[in-house]
């Protein structure tokens, strides 16, 4: 090969290598890209997940009759001491007919009430429509859950709301024809139905439930201060006797017992006592609760947590063992990824009595924020920390800020990168 040609090729190759190397240095220094994420406002709730066992003051009702029962109250209804909860009949047909009569009498009573009440002055159309929607949802939920005992009650409520809308909108002026039909149907059934052979009453007042699940006496309602985690782990279901007609839940307070980890027990012990609890299968909304007791055999062992509640509805009254979410408070602030947090120095400026300026470098926790082409370090004040992110106070107390600045809404927070420092210029 010609020496001149070889030299030219060699020079071109070396020049290309030099250009490539120079470009590499330029990109790696002045044009290095840093991934960022905007600081956005978020509200989170500190939650603990567990499985709850519900403890109530439950009193089972004995059935001393020999017939077939037809209940005169619904599940979830409030009953008074000495009040009737069921009648007994000689056979299934008579009991079924009486149940049908009771349902028709409820429809009749609702229609008669609507005819006597001027709806327009008492309730708005939006409220009526909301009631219809809520009753439809309740009916669907009862069907999906197989809650046959509650379907008739929900259906009656839905029918009442629909009829209420008919009156309000003027599509119906009265229900005389339907009232006459119901009265005739009730009279026919009463003529075919045998008389009651007895009735059942309750000794205590409270919330009535026709079903007993066998856990009514599993844990002592009156000795919760002695309950241990072992007692909860070994809870047993007993067979319900055939002569039990239902139960009455008395008292305003009821409790949820569950297992929590040692770390969760520590968090709970530092909390102010108020909480919320969500029963994922029995309720769509969280209810208020207070921490009654935390029992832990050693500081490293799992603990027994007992929550006290006083809100009750028919769904909660029938729940027993439920997956639960315990809420310990909500935090609103700026969401920052944990991998963006660094320790760095900021300048603290003070003045003495003679107005002489003094500065010192103080190490604080913060994030690097990209402002145009400049990197700035900003201190953060953490309100809440999760595994992957933290919630920072957007307006912390000024005395907690060394140089008076903190991360702000929509700041471009640098998630990762090497050789980061305050004042660095990047392109």
Protein backbone atom coordinates (compact mmCIF):
# COMPACT_ATOMS: atom_id res chain seq x y z
CA UNK A 1 0.00 0.00 0.00
CA UNK A 2 1.22 3.47 -0.79
CA UNK A 3 2.74 5.06 2.35
CA UNK A 4 1.03 8.38 1.67
CA UNK A 5 -2.36 6.71 1.39
CA UNK A 6 -1.74 4.78 4.61
CA UNK A 7 -0.86 7.96 6.45
CA UNK A 8 -4.01 9.67 5.24
CA UNK A 9 -6.18 6.75 6.36
CA UNK A 10 -4.43 6.69 9.73
CA UNK A 11 -4.87 10.42 10.20
CA UNK A 12 -8.57 10.24 9.31
CA UNK A 13 -9.11 7.34 11.75
CA UNK A 14 -7.31 9.18 14.55
CA UNK A 15 -9.31 12.32 13.85
CA UNK A 16 -12.59 10.38 14.00
CA UNK A 17 -11.54 8.79 17.30
CA UNK A 18 -10.62 12.19 18.70
CA UNK A 19 -13.97 13.66 17.67
CA UNK A 20 -15.86 10.70 19.17
CA UNK A 21 -13.91 10.95 22.42
CA UNK A 22 -14.45 14.69 22.64
CA UNK A 23 -18.16 14.24 22.01
CA UNK A 24 -18.29 11.61 24.75
CA UNK A 25 -16.63 13.94 27.24
CA UNK A 26 -18.93 16.78 26.25
CA UNK A 27 -22.09 14.71 26.64
CA UNK A 28 -20.98 13.14 29.91
CA UNK A 29 -20.25 16.52 31.48
CA UNK A 30 -22.28 19.35 30.03
CA UNK A 31 -25.18 17.50 28.46
CA UNK A 32 -25.90 14.85 31.05
CA UNK A 33 -29.67 14.24 31.38
CA UNK A 34 -31.24 13.75 34.80
CA UNK A 35 -34.63 12.01 35.12
CA UNK A 36 -37.08 14.23 37.02
CA UNK A 37 -40.54 13.98 38.53
CA UNK A 38 -42.84 16.85 39.40
CA UNK A 39 -43.69 17.35 43.06
CA UNK A 40 -47.49 17.01 43.15
CA UNK A 41 -49.96 17.38 46.00
CA UNK A 42 -51.35 14.10 47.31
CA UNK A 43 -53.48 12.95 50.24
CA UNK A 44 -52.72 9.54 51.74
CA UNK A 45 -54.06 7.60 54.71
CA UNK A 46 -51.76 5.64 56.96
CA UNK A 47 -53.29 2.14 56.92
CA UNK A 48 -52.82 -1.19 58.65
CA UNK A 49 -54.32 -4.31 57.08
CA UNK A 50 -55.48 -7.30 59.10
CA UNK A 51 -58.33 -9.77 59.63
CA UNK A 52 -60.84 -8.66 62.21
CA UNK A 53 -63.05 -10.72 64.51
CA UNK A 54 -66.15 -8.83 65.66
CA UNK A 55 -67.22 -9.13 69.31
CA UNK A 56 -70.67 -7.97 70.40
CA UNK A 57 -72.95 -8.33 73.42
CA UNK A 58 -75.22 -10.94 71.82
CA UNK A 59 -78.16 -12.62 73.52
CA UNK A 60 -79.72 -15.63 71.83
CA UNK A 61 -83.51 -16.00 71.87
CA UNK A 62 -84.99 -19.37 72.76
CA UNK A 63 -87.82 -20.82 70.70
CA UNK A 64 -90.15 -22.63 73.10
CA UNK A 65 -92.85 -23.28 70.52
CA UNK A 66 -93.29 -26.39 68.42
CA UNK A 67 -94.59 -24.73 65.27
CA UNK A 68 -93.07 -23.06 62.18
CA UNK A 69 -91.88 -19.49 62.70
CA UNK A 70 -92.94 -16.43 60.76
CA UNK A 71 -90.89 -13.39 61.79
CA UNK A 72 -92.71 -10.16 62.50
CA UNK A 73 -89.56 -7.99 62.43
CA UNK A 74 -86.71 -7.68 59.94
CA UNK A 75 -83.03 -8.34 60.47
CA UNK A 76 -81.44 -5.13 61.72
CA UNK A 77 -84.68 -3.79 63.25
CA UNK A 78 -84.56 -2.30 66.74
CA UNK A 79 -86.69 -4.30 69.20
CA UNK A 80 -87.77 -3.48 72.74
CA UNK A 81 -87.54 -5.73 75.75
CA UNK A 82 -90.65 -7.92 75.82
CA UNK A 83 -91.38 -7.15 72.16
CA UNK A 84 -92.53 -9.82 69.72
CA UNK A 85 -90.09 -11.01 67.09
CA UNK A 86 -92.01 -13.98 65.60
CA UNK A 87 -95.24 -15.96 65.59
CA UNK A 88 -95.47 -19.73 65.28
CA UNK A 89 -97.87 -21.60 62.99
CA UNK A 90 -98.96 -25.19 62.68
CA UNK A 91 -97.36 -25.79 59.27
CA UNK A 92 -95.11 -24.28 56.58
CA UNK A 93 -98.01 -23.10 54.42
CA UNK A 94 -99.55 -21.06 57.21
CA UNK A 95 -96.18 -19.55 58.12
CA UNK A 96 -95.46 -18.65 54.48
CA UNK A 97 -98.92 -17.11 54.08
CA UNK A 98 -98.42 -15.00 57.19
CA UNK A 99 -95.05 -13.78 55.87
CA UNK A 100 -96.77 -12.81 52.63
CA UNK A 101 -99.50 -11.01 54.56
CA UNK A 102 -96.89 -9.03 56.51
CA UNK A 103 -95.12 -7.97 53.30
CA UNK A 104 -98.41 -6.88 51.69
CA UNK A 105 -99.39 -4.96 54.83
CA UNK A 106 -96.11 -3.04 54.64
CA UNK A 107 -96.83 -2.10 51.01
CA UNK A 108 -100.36 -1.06 51.97
CA UNK A 109 -99.12 1.07 54.86
CA UNK A 110 -96.55 2.80 52.62
CA UNK A 111 -99.13 3.66 49.95
CA UNK A 112 -101.59 4.97 52.53
CA UNK A 113 -98.84 7.13 54.03
CA UNK A 114 -97.93 8.55 50.60
CA UNK A 115 -101.55 9.44 49.91
CA UNK A 116 -101.80 11.38 53.15
CA UNK A 117 -98.48 13.23 52.84
CA UNK A 118 -97.76 16.14 50.52
CA UNK A 119 -94.37 15.18 49.15
CA UNK A 120 -93.67 18.37 47.25
CA UNK A 121 -93.21 20.50 50.35
CA UNK A 122 -91.08 18.02 52.29
CA UNK A 123 -88.56 16.49 49.92
CA UNK A 124 -86.88 17.35 46.61
CA UNK A 125 -86.72 15.33 43.42
CA UNK A 126 -82.93 14.95 43.72
CA UNK A 127 -83.33 13.32 47.12
CA UNK A 128 -85.99 10.97 45.77
CA UNK A 129 -83.79 10.00 42.81
CA UNK A 130 -80.84 9.39 45.13
CA UNK A 131 -83.02 7.16 47.32
CA UNK A 132 -84.05 5.14 44.27
CA UNK A 133 -80.43 4.71 43.18
CA UNK A 134 -79.30 3.74 46.67
CA UNK A 135 -82.12 1.21 47.03
CA UNK A 136 -81.26 -0.34 43.65
CA UNK A 137 -77.62 -0.70 44.74
CA UNK A 138 -78.72 -2.25 48.06
CA UNK A 139 -80.96 -4.69 46.23
CA UNK A 140 -78.18 -5.75 43.86
CA UNK A 141 -75.77 -6.16 46.79
CA UNK A 142 -78.30 -8.30 48.69
CA UNK A 143 -78.80 -10.52 45.65
CA UNK A 144 -75.05 -10.88 45.05
CA UNK A 145 -74.43 -11.67 48.72
CA UNK A 146 -77.29 -14.15 48.85
CA UNK A 147 -78.87 -12.13 51.66
CA UNK A 148 -82.41 -13.39 51.08
CA UNK A 149 -83.61 -12.19 54.47
CA UNK A 150 -82.92 -8.58 53.52
CA UNK A 151 -84.19 -8.61 49.93
CA UNK A 152 -87.89 -8.13 50.83
CA UNK A 153 -87.06 -5.15 53.03
CA UNK A 154 -84.86 -3.53 50.37
CA UNK A 155 -87.48 -4.18 47.67
CA UNK A 156 -90.17 -2.48 49.75
CA UNK A 157 -87.92 0.55 50.23
CA UNK A 158 -87.29 0.72 46.48
CA UNK A 159 -90.98 0.44 45.70
CA UNK A 160 -91.77 3.21 48.18
CA UNK A 161 -89.20 5.56 46.56
CA UNK A 162 -90.56 4.84 43.06
CA UNK A 163 -94.14 5.51 44.17
CA UNK A 164 -92.95 8.67 45.91
CA UNK A 165 -91.49 9.86 42.61
CA UNK A 166 -94.78 9.10 40.83
CA UNK A 167 -96.64 11.36 43.24
CA UNK A 168 -94.02 14.12 43.08
CA UNK A 169 -93.90 14.26 39.28
CA UNK A 170 -97.70 14.07 38.93
CA UNK A 171 -97.68 10.78 37.05
CA UNK A 172 -99.95 9.41 39.77
CA UNK A 173 -102.47 11.36 41.80
CA UNK A 174 -103.46 8.51 44.11
CA UNK A 175 -103.07 4.77 44.62
CA UNK A 176 -106.68 3.91 45.33
CA UNK A 177 -106.81 1.01 42.88
CA UNK A 178 -103.63 -0.58 44.20
CA UNK A 179 -104.73 -0.05 47.81
CA UNK A 180 -108.00 -1.86 47.08
CA UNK A 181 -106.11 -4.73 45.42
CA UNK A 182 -103.78 -5.12 48.41
CA UNK A 183 -106.67 -5.05 50.89
CA UNK A 184 -108.51 -7.73 48.93
CA UNK A 185 -105.38 -9.92 48.65
CA UNK A 186 -104.67 -9.59 52.37
CA UNK A 187 -108.26 -10.51 53.25
CA UNK A 188 -108.10 -13.61 51.00
CA UNK A 189 -104.83 -14.81 52.55
CA UNK A 190 -106.08 -14.19 56.09
CA UNK A 191 -109.14 -16.32 55.33
CA UNK A 192 -106.94 -19.24 54.26
CA UNK A 193 -104.25 -18.94 56.94
CA UNK A 194 -104.52 -20.80 60.22
CA UNK A 195 -104.26 -18.88 63.46
CA UNK A 196 -100.96 -18.48 65.27
CA UNK A 197 -100.16 -21.21 67.79
CA UNK A 198 -97.85 -18.98 69.83
CA UNK A 199 -95.40 -16.11 69.73
CA UNK A 200 -91.79 -15.43 70.68
CA UNK A 201 -90.59 -12.33 72.50
CA UNK A 202 -87.19 -11.00 73.47
CA UNK A 203 -86.08 -10.33 77.01
CA UNK A 204 -83.68 -7.56 75.99
CA UNK A 205 -83.82 -4.57 73.69
CA UNK A 206 -81.40 -4.03 70.84
CA UNK A 207 -80.76 -4.93 67.21
CA UNK A 208 -82.52 -8.14 66.12
CA UNK A 209 -80.96 -10.80 63.88
CA UNK A 210 -82.65 -14.04 62.91
CA UNK A 211 -79.38 -15.89 62.20
CA UNK A 212 -76.85 -17.16 64.74
CA UNK A 213 -73.41 -18.17 63.45
CA UNK A 214 -72.07 -20.15 66.43
CA UNK A 215 -69.50 -17.52 67.49
CA UNK A 216 -71.84 -15.69 69.88
CA UNK A 217 -70.02 -17.01 72.97
CA UNK A 218 -66.60 -17.65 71.43
CA UNK A 219 -64.98 -14.64 73.17
CA UNK A 220 -66.23 -13.03 76.36
CA UNK A 221 -67.61 -9.57 75.67
CA UNK A 222 -67.27 -8.60 79.34
CA UNK A 223 -63.63 -9.70 79.73
CA UNK A 224 -61.84 -8.07 76.82
CA UNK A 225 -59.10 -6.81 79.15
CA UNK A 226 -58.03 -10.42 79.67
CA UNK A 227 -58.17 -11.45 76.03
CA UNK A 228 -54.89 -12.67 74.52
CA UNK A 229 -53.67 -13.26 71.00
CA UNK A 230 -53.77 -16.99 71.69
CA UNK A 231 -57.48 -16.70 72.56
CA UNK A 232 -58.13 -15.01 69.22
CA UNK A 233 -56.06 -17.55 67.27
CA UNK A 234 -57.92 -20.47 68.90
CA UNK A 235 -61.46 -19.12 68.62
CA UNK A 236 -63.93 -21.91 67.82
CA UNK A 237 -67.37 -22.06 66.30
CA UNK A 238 -70.05 -24.03 68.15
CA UNK A 239 -73.15 -25.69 66.75
CA UNK A 240 -76.29 -23.60 67.11
CA UNK A 241 -79.17 -25.39 68.82
CA UNK A 242 -82.31 -26.01 66.79
CA UNK A 243 -84.47 -24.19 69.30
CA UNK A 244 -82.80 -20.80 68.78
CA UNK A 245 -85.04 -18.21 67.10
CA UNK A 246 -82.37 -15.54 66.64
CA UNK A 247 -80.48 -13.07 68.78
CA UNK A 248 -80.49 -9.49 69.98
CA UNK A 249 -77.33 -7.37 69.91
CA UNK A 250 -77.48 -5.08 72.94
CA UNK A 251 -75.40 -2.09 73.93
CA UNK A 252 -74.03 0.71 71.81
CA UNK A 253 -70.41 -0.46 71.87
CA UNK A 254 -68.93 -3.40 69.99
CA UNK A 255 -65.36 -4.42 69.31
CA UNK A 256 -62.99 -5.66 66.63
CA UNK A 257 -60.08 -7.90 67.66
CA UNK A 258 -57.20 -8.51 65.25
CA UNK A 259 -53.52 -9.41 65.03
CA UNK A 260 -50.89 -6.77 64.17
CA UNK A 261 -47.12 -6.98 63.80
CA UNK A 262 -44.64 -5.65 66.36
CA UNK A 263 -43.86 -2.63 64.15
CA UNK A 264 -47.56 -1.91 63.69
CA UNK A 265 -48.09 -2.19 67.45
CA UNK A 266 -45.41 0.46 67.96
CA UNK A 267 -47.10 2.80 65.45
CA UNK A 268 -50.45 2.25 67.15
CA UNK A 269 -49.05 2.91 70.62
CA UNK A 270 -47.75 6.30 69.44
CA UNK A 271 -51.08 7.24 67.89
CA UNK A 272 -53.66 9.44 69.65
CA UNK A 273 -56.26 6.66 69.93
CA UNK A 274 -58.68 7.67 67.17
CA UNK A 275 -58.88 5.58 64.01
CA UNK A 276 -61.19 4.41 61.26
CA UNK A 277 -61.95 0.87 60.19
CA UNK A 278 -63.20 -0.39 56.83
CA UNK A 279 -64.82 -3.82 56.57
CA UNK A 280 -64.25 -4.70 52.94
CA UNK A 281 -67.08 -7.24 52.74
CA UNK A 282 -69.68 -5.64 55.02
CA UNK A 283 -69.44 -1.92 54.32
CA UNK A 284 -68.35 0.43 51.56
CA UNK A 285 -67.40 3.24 53.95
CA UNK A 286 -64.98 3.50 56.86
CA UNK A 287 -66.49 3.93 60.32
CA UNK A 288 -64.96 5.70 63.33
CA UNK A 289 -63.18 3.64 65.97
CA UNK A 290 -60.93 4.10 68.97
CA UNK A 291 -58.00 1.99 70.13
CA UNK A 292 -59.16 0.22 73.28
CA UNK A 293 -56.25 -2.11 73.96
CA UNK A 294 -52.90 -3.27 72.55
CA UNK A 295 -51.58 -6.45 74.16
CA UNK A 296 -48.08 -7.69 73.35
CA UNK A 297 -46.25 -10.45 75.22
CA UNK A 298 -42.83 -9.10 74.21
CA UNK A 299 -41.64 -6.05 72.27
CA UNK A 300 -40.70 -8.22 69.26
CA UNK A 301 -43.85 -10.37 69.15
CA UNK A 302 -47.11 -9.91 67.26
CA UNK A 303 -49.75 -8.04 69.22
CA UNK A 304 -53.49 -8.21 69.86
CA UNK A 305 -55.33 -5.02 68.92
CA UNK A 306 -58.87 -4.30 70.08
CA UNK A 307 -60.81 -1.47 68.45
CA UNK A 308 -63.98 -0.01 69.96
CA UNK A 309 -66.86 1.03 67.67
CA UNK A 310 -70.34 2.43 68.26
CA UNK A 311 -71.77 2.77 64.74
CA UNK A 312 -74.03 -0.09 63.66
CA UNK A 313 -76.18 -1.05 60.67
CA UNK A 314 -77.79 -4.30 59.50
CA UNK A 315 -74.74 -5.34 57.42
CA UNK A 316 -72.27 -4.75 60.25
CA UNK A 317 -74.61 -6.46 62.71
CA UNK A 318 -74.37 -9.67 60.67
CA UNK A 319 -70.60 -9.53 59.98
CA UNK A 320 -68.21 -11.67 62.03
CA UNK A 321 -64.79 -12.29 60.46
CA UNK A 322 -63.75 -9.67 57.94
CA UNK A 323 -60.64 -8.37 56.16
CA UNK A 324 -60.18 -4.86 57.56
CA UNK A 325 -58.29 -1.65 56.83
CA UNK A 326 -57.38 0.41 59.89
CA UNK A 327 -56.87 4.08 59.09
CA UNK A 328 -54.62 6.09 61.41
CA UNK A 329 -54.93 9.51 59.84
CA UNK A 330 -54.64 11.35 56.54
CA UNK A 331 -51.70 13.41 55.33
CA UNK A 332 -51.77 16.02 52.58
CA UNK A 333 -48.54 17.26 51.06
CA UNK A 334 -46.07 16.92 48.20
CA UNK A 335 -45.33 13.38 47.03
CA UNK A 336 -41.60 12.73 46.60
CA UNK A 337 -39.92 9.48 45.57
CA UNK A 338 -37.61 8.10 48.26
CA UNK A 339 -34.80 7.60 45.77
CA UNK A 340 -34.72 11.37 45.21
CA UNK A 341 -33.82 12.15 48.85
CA UNK A 342 -30.25 13.13 49.72
CA UNK A 343 -28.29 14.67 52.57
CA UNK A 344 -26.43 17.88 51.79
CA UNK A 345 -25.27 21.07 53.41
CA UNK A 346 -27.11 24.38 53.44
CA UNK A 347 -25.98 27.70 54.82
CA UNK A 348 -27.46 28.86 58.10
CA UNK A 349 -27.27 32.61 58.68
CA UNK A 350 -27.66 34.17 62.13
CA UNK A 351 -27.02 37.58 63.67
CA UNK A 352 -25.69 38.32 67.14
CA UNK A 353 -26.79 41.09 69.49
CA UNK A 354 -24.48 43.52 67.72
CA UNK A 355 -26.03 42.68 64.34
CA UNK A 356 -22.92 40.85 63.22
CA UNK A 357 -23.58 38.21 60.59
CA UNK A 358 -22.57 34.60 61.23
CA UNK A 359 -22.86 31.68 58.80
CA UNK A 360 -22.41 27.95 59.24
CA UNK A 361 -22.93 24.84 57.14
CA UNK A 362 -25.69 22.49 58.39
CA UNK A 363 -26.38 19.06 56.95
CA UNK A 364 -30.10 18.49 56.24
CA UNK A 365 -32.31 16.10 54.31
CA UNK A 366 -33.59 17.32 50.97
CA UNK A 367 -33.90 16.90 47.21
CA UNK A 368 -32.16 18.30 44.16
CA UNK A 369 -34.49 20.35 41.97
CA UNK A 370 -33.88 21.37 38.37
CA UNK A 371 -34.53 25.07 37.69
CA UNK A 372 -33.83 25.64 34.01
CA UNK A 373 -30.22 24.53 33.62
CA UNK A 374 -29.32 24.90 37.30
CA UNK A 375 -29.50 22.29 40.07
CA UNK A 376 -30.71 23.56 43.44
CA UNK A 377 -30.81 21.71 46.74
CA UNK A 378 -33.99 22.17 48.80
CA UNK A 379 -34.66 21.00 52.33
CA UNK A 380 -37.74 18.82 52.98
CA UNK A 381 -39.97 18.24 56.01
CA UNK A 382 -41.44 14.73 55.91
CA UNK A 383 -45.01 14.20 57.17
CA UNK A 384 -45.44 10.56 56.16
CA UNK A 385 -43.20 7.85 54.73
CA UNK A 386 -44.11 4.73 52.75
CA UNK A 387 -41.84 2.08 51.24
CA UNK A 388 -41.38 3.98 47.97
CA UNK A 389 -42.27 7.61 48.65
CA UNK A 390 -42.71 10.33 51.27
CA UNK A 391 -45.26 13.10 51.76
CA UNK A 392 -43.57 16.43 52.46
CA UNK A 393 -45.01 19.47 54.17
CA UNK A 394 -45.30 22.26 51.53
CA UNK A 395 -45.39 24.93 54.26
CA UNK A 396 -43.26 23.76 57.20
CA UNK A 397 -42.58 26.03 60.16
CA UNK A 398 -39.96 28.58 59.14
CA UNK A 399 -37.89 27.81 62.25
CA UNK A 400 -37.44 24.24 60.96
CA UNK A 401 -35.93 25.43 57.68
CA UNK A 402 -32.22 26.17 57.89
CA UNK A 403 -32.06 28.54 54.90
CA UNK A 404 -35.77 29.31 54.61
CA UNK A 405 -36.44 27.32 51.42
CA UNK A 406 -38.21 24.00 50.85
CA UNK A 407 -39.59 21.96 47.96
CA UNK A 408 -42.56 23.55 46.19
CA UNK A 409 -45.53 22.36 44.15
CA UNK A 410 -44.55 21.27 40.61
CA UNK A 411 -40.81 21.48 41.29
CA UNK A 412 -38.86 19.20 38.93
CA UNK A 413 -37.29 16.86 41.47
CA UNK A 414 -34.25 14.95 40.18
CA UNK A 415 -34.79 11.25 40.81
CA UNK A 416 -31.23 10.01 40.36
CA UNK A 417 -27.82 11.00 39.06
CA UNK A 418 -24.14 11.27 39.94
CA UNK A 419 -22.14 14.30 41.05
CA UNK A 420 -25.18 16.32 42.07
CA UNK A 421 -24.59 19.50 44.05
CA UNK A 422 -26.28 22.82 44.66
CA UNK A 423 -25.53 25.31 41.90
CA UNK A 424 -24.44 22.79 39.29
CA UNK A 425 -25.22 23.91 35.73
CA UNK A 426 -26.46 21.38 33.19
CA UNK A 427 -27.56 21.82 29.59
